[in-house]
Amino acid sequence: MATLYISEYPGYELNNLPVAIEPPLVEQTVAISGGSAQSAAFNTSTRLVRIHTDSICSILFGSNPTATATNKRLAANATEYFVVSPGYKVAVISNT
């Protein structure tokens, strides 16, 4: 089963670059399928998330996001960091 892995961090800047300080506040996963699926809402202290996907997918952030194949595409085995708002969610859908 394809999975989106999410690690939430309070955020930290080092030389004006966002970096993650371990351990994460929260870790969660979302199954990736042909329909959009949302994560749980981010922690109230979350400002930075690490997203890792083990398959090709598209993601969308927001308060109630619905991902489509036209949203931000991630390659299989990609890891990205994003600055986010507390309480937001990430939605994911499979892509090619």
N, C-alpha and C. Protein backbone atom coordinates (compact mmCIF):
# COMPACT_ATOMS: atom_id res chain seq x y z
N MET A 1 0.85 -1.17 0.00
CA MET A 1 0.00 0.00 0.00
C MET A 1 0.90 1.24 0.00
N ALA A 2 0.56 2.21 -0.84
CA ALA A 2 1.31 3.46 -0.91
C ALA A 2 0.97 4.34 0.29
N THR A 3 1.98 5.03 0.81
CA THR A 3 1.79 5.80 2.04
C THR A 3 2.47 7.16 1.95
N LEU A 4 1.81 8.18 2.50
CA LEU A 4 2.40 9.50 2.69
C LEU A 4 2.76 9.61 4.16
N TYR A 5 4.02 9.91 4.45
CA TYR A 5 4.51 10.01 5.82
C TYR A 5 4.66 11.49 6.16
N ILE A 6 4.12 11.90 7.30
CA ILE A 6 4.12 13.30 7.71
C ILE A 6 4.76 13.42 9.09
N SER A 7 5.77 14.28 9.20
CA SER A 7 6.39 14.60 10.48
C SER A 7 6.19 16.09 10.72
N GLU A 8 5.70 16.44 11.91
CA GLU A 8 5.39 17.83 12.22
C GLU A 8 6.43 18.40 13.20
N TYR A 9 6.87 19.64 12.92
CA TYR A 9 7.88 20.30 13.73
C TYR A 9 7.44 21.70 14.11
N PRO A 10 7.94 22.20 15.25
CA PRO A 10 7.58 23.56 15.64
C PRO A 10 8.22 24.61 14.74
N GLY A 11 9.20 24.21 13.95
CA GLY A 11 9.88 25.13 13.05
C GLY A 11 11.04 25.81 13.74
N TYR A 12 12.04 26.08 13.00
CA TYR A 12 13.24 26.71 13.52
C TYR A 12 13.99 27.29 12.34
N GLU A 13 14.59 28.43 12.50
CA GLU A 13 15.37 29.01 11.42
C GLU A 13 16.84 29.03 11.79
N LEU A 14 17.64 28.63 10.83
CA LEU A 14 19.09 28.65 10.97
C LEU A 14 19.61 29.34 9.71
N ASN A 15 20.18 30.51 9.88
CA ASN A 15 20.64 31.30 8.73
C ASN A 15 19.52 31.51 7.71
N ASN A 16 18.32 31.80 8.24
CA ASN A 16 17.13 32.08 7.43
C ASN A 16 16.62 30.88 6.63
N LEU A 17 17.05 29.68 6.97
CA LEU A 17 16.55 28.47 6.33
C LEU A 17 15.75 27.66 7.34
N PRO A 18 14.55 27.19 6.95
CA PRO A 18 13.80 26.35 7.89
C PRO A 18 14.47 24.99 8.05
N VAL A 19 14.67 24.57 9.29
CA VAL A 19 15.26 23.27 9.57
C VAL A 19 14.41 22.56 10.61
N ALA A 20 14.46 21.27 10.64
CA ALA A 20 13.68 20.49 11.58
C ALA A 20 14.54 20.12 12.79
N ILE A 21 13.97 20.29 13.97
CA ILE A 21 14.63 19.90 15.21
C ILE A 21 13.97 18.61 15.70
N GLU A 22 14.72 17.55 15.82
CA GLU A 22 14.20 16.26 16.28
C GLU A 22 14.05 16.25 17.79
N PRO A 23 13.11 15.51 18.33
CA PRO A 23 12.13 14.69 17.63
C PRO A 23 10.95 15.53 17.16
N PRO A 24 10.16 14.99 16.22
CA PRO A 24 8.99 15.72 15.74
C PRO A 24 7.92 15.80 16.82
N LEU A 25 7.05 16.79 16.69
CA LEU A 25 5.91 16.92 17.61
C LEU A 25 4.94 15.77 17.42
N VAL A 26 4.66 15.45 16.15
CA VAL A 26 3.67 14.44 15.77
C VAL A 26 4.16 13.75 14.52
N GLU A 27 3.86 12.47 14.39
CA GLU A 27 4.07 11.73 13.15
C GLU A 27 2.77 11.05 12.78
N GLN A 28 2.43 11.11 11.51
CA GLN A 28 1.20 10.46 11.05
C GLN A 28 1.40 9.96 9.62
N THR A 29 0.53 9.09 9.19
CA THR A 29 0.57 8.58 7.82
C THR A 29 -0.82 8.70 7.20
N VAL A 30 -0.84 8.79 5.88
CA VAL A 30 -2.09 8.79 5.13
C VAL A 30 -1.91 7.82 3.96
N ALA A 31 -2.87 6.93 3.78
CA ALA A 31 -2.83 5.99 2.65
C ALA A 31 -3.08 6.76 1.35
N ILE A 32 -2.29 6.45 0.33
CA ILE A 32 -2.42 7.09 -0.97
C ILE A 32 -3.23 6.19 -1.87
N SER A 33 -4.30 6.75 -2.46
CA SER A 33 -5.15 5.97 -3.36
C SER A 33 -5.65 6.87 -4.48
N GLY A 34 -6.58 6.38 -5.26
CA GLY A 34 -7.14 7.12 -6.38
C GLY A 34 -8.11 8.21 -5.97
N GLY A 35 -8.46 8.27 -4.69
CA GLY A 35 -9.32 9.33 -4.17
C GLY A 35 -8.56 10.17 -3.17
N SER A 36 -8.90 11.45 -3.07
CA SER A 36 -8.22 12.34 -2.14
C SER A 36 -8.46 11.89 -0.70
N ALA A 37 -7.38 11.89 0.09
CA ALA A 37 -7.47 11.55 1.52
C ALA A 37 -6.72 12.61 2.31
N GLN A 38 -7.28 13.02 3.45
CA GLN A 38 -6.70 14.06 4.29
C GLN A 38 -5.96 13.50 5.49
N SER A 39 -4.96 14.24 5.92
CA SER A 39 -4.30 13.96 7.19
C SER A 39 -5.17 14.48 8.31
N ALA A 40 -4.76 14.20 9.53
CA ALA A 40 -5.37 14.87 10.68
C ALA A 40 -4.88 16.31 10.69
N ALA A 41 -5.58 17.18 11.38
CA ALA A 41 -5.16 18.58 11.48
C ALA A 41 -3.80 18.66 12.17
N PHE A 42 -2.95 19.56 11.69
CA PHE A 42 -1.64 19.72 12.29
C PHE A 42 -1.75 20.28 13.71
N ASN A 43 -0.80 19.92 14.53
CA ASN A 43 -0.71 20.38 15.91
C ASN A 43 -0.68 21.91 15.97
N THR A 44 -1.17 22.47 17.05
CA THR A 44 -1.19 23.93 17.20
C THR A 44 0.21 24.55 17.24
N SER A 45 1.23 23.75 17.49
CA SER A 45 2.61 24.24 17.51
C SER A 45 3.36 23.97 16.20
N THR A 46 2.73 23.27 15.26
CA THR A 46 3.39 22.90 14.01
C THR A 46 3.55 24.10 13.09
N ARG A 47 4.77 24.29 12.59
CA ARG A 47 5.06 25.35 11.62
C ARG A 47 5.80 24.80 10.40
N LEU A 48 6.33 23.58 10.54
CA LEU A 48 7.13 22.96 9.49
C LEU A 48 6.76 21.49 9.42
N VAL A 49 6.55 20.97 8.21
CA VAL A 49 6.28 19.53 8.06
C VAL A 49 7.27 18.92 7.08
N ARG A 50 7.62 17.70 7.37
CA ARG A 50 8.42 16.88 6.47
C ARG A 50 7.46 15.89 5.84
N ILE A 51 7.41 15.88 4.51
CA ILE A 51 6.53 14.98 3.77
C ILE A 51 7.39 13.99 3.00
N HIS A 52 7.13 12.71 3.17
CA HIS A 52 7.81 11.68 2.39
C HIS A 52 6.76 10.78 1.77
N THR A 53 6.92 10.49 0.50
CA THR A 53 6.00 9.60 -0.20
C THR A 53 6.75 8.43 -0.79
N ASP A 54 6.14 7.25 -0.71
CA ASP A 54 6.80 6.09 -1.31
C ASP A 54 6.25 5.78 -2.71
N SER A 55 5.33 6.64 -3.21
CA SER A 55 4.83 6.48 -4.57
C SER A 55 4.51 7.86 -5.15
N ILE A 56 4.32 7.92 -6.45
CA ILE A 56 4.00 9.18 -7.11
C ILE A 56 2.63 9.66 -6.64
N CYS A 57 2.55 10.94 -6.24
CA CYS A 57 1.29 11.48 -5.75
C CYS A 57 1.23 12.98 -5.95
N SER A 58 0.08 13.56 -5.70
CA SER A 58 -0.10 15.01 -5.66
C SER A 58 -0.63 15.36 -4.28
N ILE A 59 -0.21 16.54 -3.77
CA ILE A 59 -0.64 16.97 -2.44
C ILE A 59 -1.17 18.40 -2.49
N LEU A 60 -2.00 18.73 -1.50
CA LEU A 60 -2.54 20.06 -1.36
C LEU A 60 -2.72 20.35 0.12
N PHE A 61 -2.29 21.53 0.57
CA PHE A 61 -2.44 21.95 1.96
C PHE A 61 -3.62 22.89 2.09
N GLY A 62 -4.27 22.88 3.25
CA GLY A 62 -5.35 23.82 3.52
C GLY A 62 -6.14 23.41 4.74
N SER A 63 -7.20 24.16 5.04
CA SER A 63 -8.03 23.84 6.20
C SER A 63 -8.95 22.65 5.93
N ASN A 64 -9.32 22.46 4.67
CA ASN A 64 -10.15 21.31 4.27
C ASN A 64 -9.81 20.97 2.81
N PRO A 65 -8.55 20.55 2.55
CA PRO A 65 -8.10 20.37 1.17
C PRO A 65 -8.63 19.10 0.51
N THR A 66 -8.81 19.18 -0.79
CA THR A 66 -9.11 18.02 -1.63
C THR A 66 -8.09 18.00 -2.74
N ALA A 67 -7.19 17.04 -2.72
CA ALA A 67 -6.12 16.96 -3.70
C ALA A 67 -6.66 16.42 -5.03
N THR A 68 -6.09 16.96 -6.12
CA THR A 68 -6.36 16.44 -7.46
C THR A 68 -5.02 16.20 -8.14
N ALA A 69 -5.05 15.51 -9.26
CA ALA A 69 -3.82 15.20 -9.98
C ALA A 69 -3.14 16.44 -10.55
N THR A 70 -3.83 17.59 -10.54
CA THR A 70 -3.22 18.82 -11.03
C THR A 70 -2.50 19.61 -9.94
N ASN A 71 -2.59 19.16 -8.69
CA ASN A 71 -1.89 19.82 -7.59
C ASN A 71 -0.42 19.43 -7.55
N LYS A 72 0.31 19.98 -6.60
CA LYS A 72 1.76 19.76 -6.45
C LYS A 72 2.08 18.27 -6.52
N ARG A 73 2.92 17.88 -7.49
CA ARG A 73 3.26 16.47 -7.71
C ARG A 73 4.57 16.15 -7.01
N LEU A 74 4.60 15.00 -6.36
CA LEU A 74 5.81 14.48 -5.74
C LEU A 74 6.19 13.17 -6.42
N ALA A 75 7.46 12.99 -6.67
CA ALA A 75 7.96 11.75 -7.26
C ALA A 75 8.00 10.65 -6.19
N ALA A 76 8.01 9.42 -6.63
CA ALA A 76 8.14 8.30 -5.70
C ALA A 76 9.43 8.45 -4.92
N ASN A 77 9.38 8.14 -3.63
CA ASN A 77 10.51 8.22 -2.71
C ASN A 77 11.05 9.64 -2.53
N ALA A 78 10.19 10.63 -2.72
CA ALA A 78 10.58 12.03 -2.53
C ALA A 78 10.35 12.46 -1.09
N THR A 79 11.21 13.35 -0.60
CA THR A 79 11.06 13.96 0.72
C THR A 79 11.16 15.46 0.54
N GLU A 80 10.16 16.19 1.07
CA GLU A 80 10.12 17.64 0.96
C GLU A 80 9.73 18.23 2.32
N TYR A 81 10.16 19.46 2.56
CA TYR A 81 9.79 20.20 3.76
C TYR A 81 8.93 21.40 3.35
N PHE A 82 7.89 21.68 4.15
CA PHE A 82 6.99 22.79 3.86
C PHE A 82 6.70 23.57 5.14
N VAL A 83 6.68 24.88 5.04
CA VAL A 83 6.23 25.73 6.13
C VAL A 83 4.71 25.78 6.03
N VAL A 84 4.01 25.52 7.14
CA VAL A 84 2.56 25.42 7.14
C VAL A 84 1.94 26.22 8.28
N SER A 85 0.64 26.33 8.25
CA SER A 85 -0.10 26.96 9.33
C SER A 85 -0.61 25.89 10.29
N PRO A 86 -0.60 26.16 11.59
CA PRO A 86 -1.16 25.21 12.55
C PRO A 86 -2.63 24.95 12.22
N GLY A 87 -3.07 23.71 12.42
CA GLY A 87 -4.45 23.37 12.16
C GLY A 87 -4.75 23.00 10.72
N TYR A 88 -3.83 23.29 9.80
CA TYR A 88 -4.01 22.90 8.41
C TYR A 88 -3.90 21.38 8.30
N LYS A 89 -4.26 20.87 7.15
CA LYS A 89 -4.15 19.45 6.82
C LYS A 89 -3.45 19.35 5.48
N VAL A 90 -3.00 18.16 5.13
CA VAL A 90 -2.51 17.89 3.79
C VAL A 90 -3.37 16.78 3.20
N ALA A 91 -3.80 16.97 1.96
CA ALA A 91 -4.56 15.96 1.25
C ALA A 91 -3.64 15.35 0.19
N VAL A 92 -3.85 14.08 -0.11
CA VAL A 92 -3.00 13.37 -1.06
C VAL A 92 -3.86 12.51 -1.97
N ILE A 93 -3.40 12.37 -3.22
CA ILE A 93 -4.06 11.51 -4.20
C ILE A 93 -2.96 10.90 -5.08
N SER A 94 -3.16 9.69 -5.56
CA SER A 94 -2.16 9.07 -6.43
C SER A 94 -2.10 9.81 -7.75
N ASN A 95 -0.95 9.72 -8.40
CA ASN A 95 -0.72 10.39 -9.67
C ASN A 95 0.22 9.50 -10.49
N THR A 96 0.46 9.89 -11.73
CA THR A 96 1.37 9.12 -12.60
C THR A 96 2.50 9.99 -13.06
